[in-house]
Amino acid sequence: MSKPKARPTLRSVIGRGHLILALVAVTLASVSLTLLGVLALRVYADHNLNLIARSINYTVEAAVVFNDSAAAAETLSLIASTEEVAQAEVFDANGKLLAQWVRPETGMLSQVELALAHTLLEQPISQPILHQGRTVGSIHLVGHGGSLLRFLLSGLAGILICTALSAWVALYLARRLLLGITQPLQSLASVAHAARSERDFDRRVPPAQIAELDSLGSDFNALLGEMEAWQSHLQSENETLAHQASHDSLTGLPNRAFFEGRLIRALRSAAKVNERVAVLFLDSDRFKDINDNFGHAAGDAVLVAVAERVRAQLREDDLVARLGGDEFAVLLAPLHKLEDAQRIADKIIASMDKPIPLPGNTQVLTSLSIGIAVYPEHGATPGTLLNAADAAMYQAKRLSQGGQQTAESAPTAANVNHRS
């Protein structure tokens, strides 16, 4: 599978566009100026070649009249060698070559100069040589492209320098312009990414200098504020629902499902490190009489008081849960020795000695019967431990209400049954 092609950034796109526009503009301007210069130089070169022809005409007139080839050649060499002339020829009245001068070749540069002259300059010129109004000969001149080459090279150098300067200026100005556009957009993208991937709604987009981008950032910040408030509301609702699903609404204690889940994790942890866990099964001895004689409100007050007093006797990591009705369960994990569980059970039983206030300035006394089961002696699963503790609780209730009893063996079918 081919790797997806990376998309260009906004900064690179705009920066590249500014640079291309600047380079194109400078190149067009430079090329246009060079072409105008070439045209102007062509006109100048043609005019200059005509002036050179007139000067040679006046100078070689006598040599042509007297048919003095040496004098004509000397004159041509003297004048043409100092001007932009590649070749000069003097003919007599019959068209016979009287004198000739050719610029000496100096290598590749001379060939380039001649090629430019033949391409860009006017065609060679010819002028008649007049003596007393009569044509006695003619002059034929071919221009030289030395000045043109120097002009083109200087123009090309100017183009390169201007292009480099324009590129630098374009990059500098583009960078300053892009900072005002890309920085707010990058901040907006960063905050949006954090909100989407990390659910971080606390971050905000900073103000921007450009009005439209600042307005966009303000609207996005307002949206983040609404999302943050909604997330907090949902989180609070979820926590409330989760608490209601796992806790008893009357006492605020964890319910049976929560207790069994914690017991499963405690047993797994104890099995790994070879520790012991204790389960205490608690049952109120006179709850039914209180409920029948004083009403359900009194029964609810008793359950709340029992829950608070039991929780006050436990260690920080211990757990108490209401299993249903007047039945409670306590998880002691880890348990170092059985005597610790029995000591806590005694503290719970003793906490019931104080009367419980009821609505209507009435007080009642109640007691708890507690059964104790220890992992792994009395069971290795949550069900067997709870059943063993439940059976021990019934044994304690039969022997003496308000007492405790420890399971002596793994539960059997006879002590698994609950009272009807």
Protein backbone atom coordinates (compact mmCIF):
# COMPACT_ATOMS: atom_id res chain seq x y z
CA MET A 1 0.00 0.00 0.00
CA SER A 2 1.49 3.33 -1.06
CA LYS A 3 2.23 5.91 1.58
CA PRO A 4 -0.11 8.93 1.38
CA LYS A 5 1.53 12.00 -0.05
CA ALA A 6 2.19 14.75 2.47
CA ARG A 7 0.07 17.81 1.84
CA PRO A 8 1.78 21.21 1.61
CA THR A 9 1.28 23.68 4.43
CA LEU A 10 -0.51 27.00 4.00
CA ARG A 11 2.72 28.80 4.79
CA SER A 12 4.65 26.98 2.06
CA VAL A 13 1.88 27.53 -0.51
CA ILE A 14 1.55 31.27 0.11
CA GLY A 15 5.31 31.75 0.44
CA ARG A 16 5.95 29.89 -2.81
CA GLY A 17 3.27 31.94 -4.54
CA HIS A 18 4.79 35.24 -3.38
CA LEU A 19 8.25 34.13 -4.47
CA ILE A 20 7.06 33.01 -7.92
CA LEU A 21 5.13 36.24 -8.47
CA ALA A 22 8.14 38.32 -7.47
CA LEU A 23 10.51 36.35 -9.69
CA VAL A 24 8.16 36.48 -12.67
CA ALA A 25 7.59 40.21 -12.25
CA VAL A 26 11.31 40.99 -11.97
CA THR A 27 12.19 38.67 -14.85
CA LEU A 28 9.55 40.20 -17.15
CA ALA A 29 10.66 43.70 -16.25
CA SER A 30 14.33 42.83 -16.77
CA VAL A 31 13.69 41.07 -20.08
CA SER A 32 11.55 43.96 -21.29
CA LEU A 33 14.23 46.49 -20.40
CA THR A 34 16.88 44.34 -22.08
CA LEU A 35 14.85 44.09 -25.28
CA LEU A 36 14.29 47.84 -25.32
CA GLY A 37 18.00 48.31 -24.75
CA VAL A 38 18.84 45.96 -27.62
CA LEU A 39 16.51 47.88 -29.95
CA ALA A 40 18.01 51.17 -28.87
CA LEU A 41 21.53 49.80 -29.30
CA ARG A 42 20.61 48.50 -32.75
CA VAL A 43 19.48 51.94 -33.84
CA TYR A 44 22.58 53.46 -32.29
CA ALA A 45 24.87 50.89 -33.93
CA ASP A 46 23.32 51.50 -37.35
CA HIS A 47 23.66 55.24 -36.97
CA ASN A 48 27.23 54.88 -35.73
CA LEU A 49 28.13 52.59 -38.65
CA ASN A 50 26.86 55.20 -41.10
CA LEU A 51 28.96 57.86 -39.39
CA ILE A 52 32.03 55.61 -39.60
CA ALA A 53 31.33 55.04 -43.30
CA ARG A 54 31.15 58.80 -43.94
CA SER A 55 34.41 59.34 -42.08
CA ILE A 56 36.16 56.64 -44.11
CA ASN A 57 34.55 58.05 -47.28
CA TYR A 58 36.14 61.46 -46.76
CA THR A 59 39.48 59.98 -45.80
CA VAL A 60 39.94 57.46 -48.62
CA GLU A 61 38.48 59.69 -51.36
CA ALA A 62 41.91 60.81 -52.54
CA ALA A 63 43.34 57.30 -52.44
CA VAL A 64 40.45 56.01 -54.53
CA VAL A 65 40.78 58.84 -57.06
CA PHE A 66 44.48 58.05 -57.51
CA ASN A 67 43.83 54.29 -57.21
CA ASP A 68 46.31 54.09 -54.32
CA SER A 69 45.59 50.74 -52.72
CA ALA A 70 48.23 51.08 -49.97
CA ALA A 71 46.94 54.45 -48.84
CA ALA A 72 43.36 53.17 -48.82
CA ALA A 73 44.36 50.11 -46.76
CA GLU A 74 46.26 52.26 -44.27
CA THR A 75 43.28 54.58 -43.86
CA LEU A 76 40.89 51.67 -43.36
CA SER A 77 43.14 50.12 -40.73
CA LEU A 78 43.57 53.42 -38.91
CA ILE A 79 39.84 54.17 -38.65
CA ALA A 80 38.16 50.73 -38.54
CA SER A 81 40.44 49.31 -35.87
CA THR A 82 39.21 51.91 -33.35
CA GLU A 83 35.50 51.57 -34.17
CA GLU A 84 32.80 48.91 -33.88
CA VAL A 85 33.63 47.46 -37.31
CA ALA A 86 34.20 43.83 -38.11
CA GLN A 87 35.12 44.25 -41.79
CA ALA A 88 35.69 47.26 -44.09
CA GLU A 89 36.16 47.16 -47.89
CA VAL A 90 36.83 49.88 -50.46
CA PHE A 91 35.95 49.34 -54.12
CA ASP A 92 36.83 51.47 -57.19
CA ALA A 93 34.29 52.71 -59.72
CA ASN A 94 34.39 49.38 -61.54
CA GLY A 95 33.64 47.41 -58.37
CA LYS A 96 37.16 46.14 -58.01
CA LEU A 97 38.37 45.64 -54.42
CA LEU A 98 40.89 48.35 -53.72
CA ALA A 99 41.51 47.88 -49.99
CA GLN A 100 40.20 45.64 -47.22
CA TRP A 101 40.41 45.47 -43.39
CA VAL A 102 39.19 42.56 -41.29
CA ARG A 103 39.21 42.57 -37.51
CA PRO A 104 41.57 39.85 -36.33
CA GLU A 105 40.04 36.80 -34.65
CA THR A 106 40.72 36.53 -30.92
CA GLY A 107 39.00 33.23 -30.21
CA MET A 108 35.52 32.25 -29.10
CA LEU A 109 34.65 35.75 -27.89
CA SER A 110 35.08 37.24 -31.35
CA GLN A 111 32.88 34.57 -32.89
CA VAL A 112 30.14 35.27 -30.34
CA GLU A 113 30.39 39.01 -31.03
CA LEU A 114 30.09 38.43 -34.80
CA ALA A 115 27.16 36.05 -34.34
CA LEU A 116 25.32 38.65 -32.21
CA ALA A 117 26.07 41.34 -34.76
CA HIS A 118 24.76 39.25 -37.67
CA THR A 119 21.63 38.28 -35.66
CA LEU A 120 20.61 41.49 -33.95
CA LEU A 121 22.21 44.39 -35.87
CA GLU A 122 21.26 45.82 -39.22
CA GLN A 123 22.66 44.35 -42.44
CA PRO A 124 26.07 45.59 -43.65
CA ILE A 125 25.93 49.05 -45.19
CA SER A 126 27.39 50.38 -48.41
CA GLN A 127 28.08 54.02 -49.30
CA PRO A 128 29.30 55.53 -52.58
CA ILE A 129 32.52 57.55 -52.66
CA LEU A 130 31.87 60.83 -54.48
CA HIS A 131 34.42 63.19 -56.03
CA GLN A 132 33.13 66.40 -57.56
CA GLY A 133 29.67 64.93 -57.78
CA ARG A 134 30.90 61.81 -59.55
CA THR A 135 30.95 58.27 -58.02
CA VAL A 136 34.55 57.09 -57.98
CA GLY A 137 34.06 54.03 -55.73
CA SER A 138 32.16 52.58 -52.77
CA ILE A 139 32.63 51.56 -49.14
CA HIS A 140 31.23 48.36 -47.61
CA LEU A 141 31.13 48.04 -43.80
CA VAL A 142 30.09 45.15 -41.50
CA GLY A 143 29.29 46.05 -37.89
CA HIS A 144 30.84 44.41 -34.85
CA GLY A 145 28.89 43.15 -31.82
CA GLY A 146 31.33 43.94 -29.03
CA SER A 147 29.23 46.68 -27.45
CA LEU A 148 26.10 44.63 -27.87
CA LEU A 149 27.68 41.65 -26.11
CA ARG A 150 28.83 43.83 -23.23
CA PHE A 151 25.36 45.33 -22.97
CA LEU A 152 23.70 41.88 -22.95
CA LEU A 153 26.14 40.56 -20.34
CA SER A 154 25.55 43.57 -18.12
CA GLY A 155 21.79 43.18 -18.63
CA LEU A 156 21.98 39.51 -17.73
CA ALA A 157 24.00 40.32 -14.63
CA GLY A 158 21.44 42.95 -13.70
CA ILE A 159 18.64 40.44 -14.16
CA LEU A 160 20.39 37.92 -11.92
CA ILE A 161 21.11 40.52 -9.24
CA CYS A 162 17.57 41.91 -9.35
CA THR A 163 16.13 38.38 -9.26
CA ALA A 164 18.20 37.48 -6.21
CA LEU A 165 17.29 40.72 -4.44
CA SER A 166 13.62 40.35 -5.30
CA ALA A 167 13.64 36.76 -4.06
CA TRP A 168 15.13 37.84 -0.75
CA VAL A 169 12.71 40.75 -0.39
CA ALA A 170 9.77 38.54 -1.38
CA LEU A 171 10.73 35.89 1.17
CA TYR A 172 11.18 38.52 3.89
CA LEU A 173 7.87 40.24 3.18
CA ALA A 174 6.09 36.91 2.72
CA ARG A 175 7.42 35.68 6.05
CA ARG A 176 6.16 38.80 7.82
CA LEU A 177 2.78 38.51 6.11
CA LEU A 178 2.53 34.79 6.77
CA LEU A 179 3.26 35.20 10.46
CA GLY A 180 0.07 37.20 10.82
CA ILE A 181 -1.95 34.52 9.01
CA THR A 182 -0.34 31.18 9.80
CA GLN A 183 0.36 31.72 13.51
CA PRO A 184 -3.33 32.23 14.43
CA LEU A 185 -4.30 29.31 12.18
CA GLN A 186 -1.61 27.09 13.71
CA SER A 187 -2.81 28.02 17.19
CA LEU A 188 -6.38 27.26 16.15
CA ALA A 189 -5.34 23.90 14.66
CA SER A 190 -3.28 23.02 17.76
CA VAL A 191 -6.15 23.80 20.14
CA ALA A 192 -8.63 21.93 17.93
CA HIS A 193 -6.32 18.88 17.80
CA ALA A 194 -5.92 18.91 21.59
CA ALA A 195 -9.69 19.14 22.03
CA ARG A 196 -10.31 16.27 19.59
CA SER A 197 -7.55 13.83 20.52
CA GLU A 198 -6.94 14.63 24.20
CA ARG A 199 -10.36 16.02 25.17
CA ASP A 200 -8.50 19.07 26.47
CA PHE A 201 -11.13 21.81 26.49
CA ASP A 202 -9.17 24.12 28.82
CA ARG A 203 -6.87 25.53 26.13
CA ARG A 204 -7.82 28.71 24.29
CA VAL A 205 -6.81 30.35 21.01
CA PRO A 206 -4.77 33.56 21.62
CA PRO A 207 -5.92 36.88 20.05
CA ALA A 208 -4.89 37.59 16.45
CA GLN A 209 -4.00 40.89 14.77
CA ILE A 210 -6.16 40.17 11.71
CA ALA A 211 -9.81 40.93 12.47
CA GLU A 212 -11.31 37.91 10.67
CA LEU A 213 -8.89 35.48 12.31
CA ASP A 214 -9.42 37.07 15.72
CA SER A 215 -13.20 36.72 15.31
CA LEU A 216 -12.76 33.09 14.28
CA GLY A 217 -10.58 32.43 17.33
CA SER A 218 -13.09 34.12 19.65
CA ASP A 219 -15.96 32.04 18.27
CA PHE A 220 -13.88 28.88 18.61
CA ASN A 221 -13.02 29.75 22.21
CA ALA A 222 -16.69 30.28 22.96
CA LEU A 223 -17.47 26.91 21.42
CA LEU A 224 -14.75 25.29 23.55
CA GLY A 225 -16.26 26.91 26.64
CA GLU A 226 -19.65 25.44 25.82
CA MET A 227 -18.12 22.03 25.14
CA GLU A 228 -16.18 22.20 28.42
CA ALA A 229 -19.34 23.03 30.34
CA TRP A 230 -21.24 20.25 28.58
CA GLN A 231 -18.42 17.78 29.24
CA SER A 232 -18.42 18.70 32.93
CA HIS A 233 -22.18 18.23 33.02
CA LEU A 234 -21.95 14.85 31.31
CA GLN A 235 -19.10 13.77 33.57
CA SER A 236 -21.10 14.75 36.63
CA GLU A 237 -24.15 12.93 35.29
CA ASN A 238 -22.09 9.83 34.51
CA GLU A 239 -20.48 9.85 37.94
CA THR A 240 -23.90 10.21 39.54
CA LEU A 241 -25.34 7.36 37.47
CA ALA A 242 -22.30 5.17 38.12
CA HIS A 243 -22.55 5.85 41.84
CA GLN A 244 -26.27 5.13 41.84
CA ALA A 245 -25.69 1.89 39.96
CA SER A 246 -23.05 0.66 42.39
CA HIS A 247 -24.25 2.14 45.71
CA ASP A 248 -27.23 1.85 48.00
CA SER A 249 -29.41 4.96 47.80
CA LEU A 250 -30.37 4.91 51.51
CA THR A 251 -27.05 4.35 53.28
CA GLY A 252 -24.65 5.45 50.55
CA LEU A 253 -22.76 2.18 50.92
CA PRO A 254 -21.67 0.07 47.95
CA ASN A 255 -24.24 -2.53 46.88
CA ARG A 256 -23.87 -6.28 46.40
CA ALA A 257 -22.61 -6.03 42.80
CA PHE A 258 -19.89 -3.55 43.78
CA PHE A 259 -18.90 -5.65 46.80
CA GLU A 260 -18.63 -8.86 44.78
CA GLY A 261 -16.51 -7.11 42.14
CA ARG A 262 -14.10 -5.84 44.79
CA LEU A 263 -14.06 -9.29 46.41
CA ILE A 264 -13.12 -10.93 43.08
CA ARG A 265 -10.18 -8.53 42.61
CA ALA A 266 -9.09 -8.98 46.23
CA LEU A 267 -9.06 -12.77 45.87
CA ARG A 268 -7.03 -12.58 42.66
CA SER A 269 -4.50 -10.29 44.29
CA ALA A 270 -4.32 -12.46 47.41
CA ALA A 271 -3.73 -15.58 45.31
CA LYS A 272 -0.76 -13.95 43.58
CA VAL A 273 1.02 -12.85 46.78
CA ASN A 274 -0.24 -15.66 49.06
CA GLU A 275 -2.23 -13.39 51.37
CA ARG A 276 -5.44 -13.92 53.32
CA VAL A 277 -8.79 -12.16 52.93
CA ALA A 278 -11.69 -12.08 55.38
CA VAL A 279 -15.41 -11.60 54.71
CA LEU A 280 -17.73 -10.56 57.55
CA PHE A 281 -21.46 -11.17 57.12
CA LEU A 282 -23.57 -8.83 59.35
CA ASP A 283 -27.26 -9.11 60.18
CA SER A 284 -29.39 -6.92 62.48
CA ASP A 285 -31.03 -8.91 65.27
CA ARG A 286 -34.14 -6.79 65.92
CA PHE A 287 -34.65 -4.93 62.66
CA LYS A 288 -38.01 -6.56 61.82
CA ASP A 289 -39.46 -5.67 65.24
CA ILE A 290 -38.26 -2.06 64.93
CA ASN A 291 -39.69 -1.78 61.44
CA ASP A 292 -43.04 -3.23 62.48
CA ASN A 293 -43.38 -1.24 65.72
CA PHE A 294 -41.99 2.16 64.67
CA GLY A 295 -42.54 2.19 60.90
CA HIS A 296 -40.36 2.21 57.81
CA ALA A 297 -38.86 5.62 58.56
CA ALA A 298 -37.50 4.27 61.84
CA GLY A 299 -36.17 1.20 60.04
CA ASP A 300 -34.41 3.43 57.52
CA ALA A 301 -32.86 5.48 60.36
CA VAL A 302 -31.58 2.28 61.98
CA LEU A 303 -30.00 1.11 58.71
CA VAL A 304 -28.28 4.48 58.20
CA ALA A 305 -26.95 4.48 61.76
CA VAL A 306 -25.70 0.90 61.47
CA ALA A 307 -23.91 1.76 58.20
CA GLU A 308 -22.18 4.77 59.74
CA ARG A 309 -21.11 2.90 62.90
CA VAL A 310 -19.76 -0.10 60.98
CA ARG A 311 -17.83 2.11 58.57
CA ALA A 312 -16.27 3.96 61.50
CA GLN A 313 -14.73 0.74 62.86
CA LEU A 314 -12.94 -0.31 59.67
CA ARG A 315 -9.48 0.35 58.35
CA GLU A 316 -8.92 2.76 55.48
CA ASP A 317 -8.69 0.06 52.80
CA ASP A 318 -11.54 -2.10 54.14
CA LEU A 319 -14.97 -2.11 52.49
CA VAL A 320 -18.51 -2.33 53.90
CA ALA A 321 -21.52 -2.87 51.65
CA ARG A 322 -25.25 -3.28 52.10
CA LEU A 323 -26.29 -6.56 50.53
CA GLY A 324 -30.02 -5.94 50.97
CA GLY A 325 -32.55 -5.47 53.75
CA ASP A 326 -30.69 -5.48 57.10
CA GLU A 327 -27.76 -7.56 55.77
CA PHE A 328 -24.29 -6.04 55.44
CA ALA A 329 -20.92 -7.44 54.38
CA VAL A 330 -17.39 -6.32 55.22
CA LEU A 331 -14.24 -7.07 53.18
CA LEU A 332 -10.95 -7.08 55.09
CA ALA A 333 -8.03 -7.21 52.66
CA PRO A 334 -5.32 -7.98 53.34
CA LEU A 335 -5.78 -9.97 56.54
CA HIS A 336 -2.62 -10.76 58.47
CA LYS A 337 -4.23 -13.05 61.05
CA LEU A 338 -7.68 -14.27 62.03
CA GLU A 339 -7.54 -12.38 65.32
CA ASP A 340 -7.58 -9.07 63.37
CA ALA A 341 -10.94 -9.96 61.80
CA GLN A 342 -12.34 -11.06 65.19
CA ARG A 343 -11.11 -7.85 66.80
CA ILE A 344 -12.82 -5.71 64.15
CA ALA A 345 -15.99 -7.77 64.55
CA ASP A 346 -15.93 -7.11 68.30
CA LYS A 347 -15.54 -3.37 67.66
CA ILE A 348 -18.53 -3.41 65.31
CA ILE A 349 -20.64 -5.30 67.86
CA ALA A 350 -19.60 -2.89 70.61
CA SER A 351 -20.54 0.14 68.46
CA MET A 352 -24.17 -1.00 68.65
CA ASP A 353 -24.33 -0.53 72.44
CA LYS A 354 -25.36 3.11 72.13
CA PRO A 355 -29.08 3.77 71.40
CA ILE A 356 -30.06 4.87 67.91
CA PRO A 357 -32.18 8.07 67.77
CA LEU A 358 -35.37 7.79 65.70
CA PRO A 359 -37.73 10.43 64.31
CA GLY A 360 -40.01 11.74 67.03
CA ASN A 361 -37.38 11.86 69.81
CA THR A 362 -37.44 8.06 70.21
CA GLN A 363 -34.44 5.81 70.72
CA VAL A 364 -33.95 2.10 70.14
CA LEU A 365 -31.24 -0.43 70.77
CA THR A 366 -30.20 -3.04 68.24
CA SER A 367 -27.39 -5.53 67.85
CA LEU A 368 -25.53 -7.28 65.03
CA SER A 369 -24.71 -10.96 64.58
CA ILE A 370 -21.51 -11.46 62.57
CA GLY A 371 -20.16 -14.44 60.72
CA ILE A 372 -16.51 -14.55 59.62
CA ALA A 373 -15.04 -16.50 56.67
CA VAL A 374 -11.36 -16.39 55.66
CA TYR A 375 -9.72 -17.07 52.29
CA PRO A 376 -8.40 -19.65 51.58
CA GLU A 377 -9.45 -21.70 54.62
CA HIS A 378 -13.21 -21.36 54.15
CA GLY A 379 -13.49 -20.86 50.40
CA ALA A 380 -11.63 -19.73 47.29
CA THR A 381 -14.46 -17.95 45.40
CA PRO A 382 -16.70 -15.02 46.29
CA GLY A 383 -19.74 -17.29 46.46
CA THR A 384 -18.21 -19.87 48.78
CA LEU A 385 -16.78 -17.19 51.10
CA LEU A 386 -20.10 -15.32 51.34
CA ASN A 387 -21.97 -18.57 51.94
CA ALA A 388 -19.49 -19.61 54.63
CA ALA A 389 -19.75 -16.21 56.34
CA ASP A 390 -23.55 -16.32 56.04
CA ALA A 391 -23.68 -19.77 57.64
CA ALA A 392 -21.37 -18.64 60.45
CA MET A 393 -23.61 -15.62 61.04
CA TYR A 394 -26.65 -17.89 61.49
CA GLN A 395 -24.63 -19.97 63.91
CA ALA A 396 -23.78 -16.83 65.90
CA LYS A 397 -27.44 -15.74 65.87
CA ARG A 398 -28.54 -19.16 67.20
CA LEU A 399 -25.94 -19.18 69.94
CA SER A 400 -26.37 -15.60 71.12
CA GLN A 401 -27.69 -12.52 69.37
CA GLY A 402 -25.14 -9.74 69.17
CA GLY A 403 -22.18 -12.10 68.86
CA GLN A 404 -19.72 -13.35 66.28
CA GLN A 405 -18.84 -16.74 64.87
CA THR A 406 -16.01 -17.90 62.63
CA ALA A 407 -16.61 -20.52 59.97
CA GLU A 408 -14.83 -23.73 60.88
CA SER A 409 -14.74 -25.55 57.56
CA ALA A 410 -15.59 -25.16 53.91
CA PRO A 411 -19.35 -24.80 53.47
CA THR A 412 -21.43 -27.86 52.80
CA ALA A 413 -24.86 -28.30 51.28
CA ALA A 414 -26.39 -28.24 54.77
CA ASN A 415 -25.24 -24.73 55.68
CA VAL A 416 -25.65 -23.10 52.30
CA ASN A 417 -29.41 -22.65 52.63
CA HIS A 418 -30.62 -19.21 53.79
CA ARG A 419 -33.47 -18.73 56.18
CA SER A 420 -36.82 -18.29 54.49
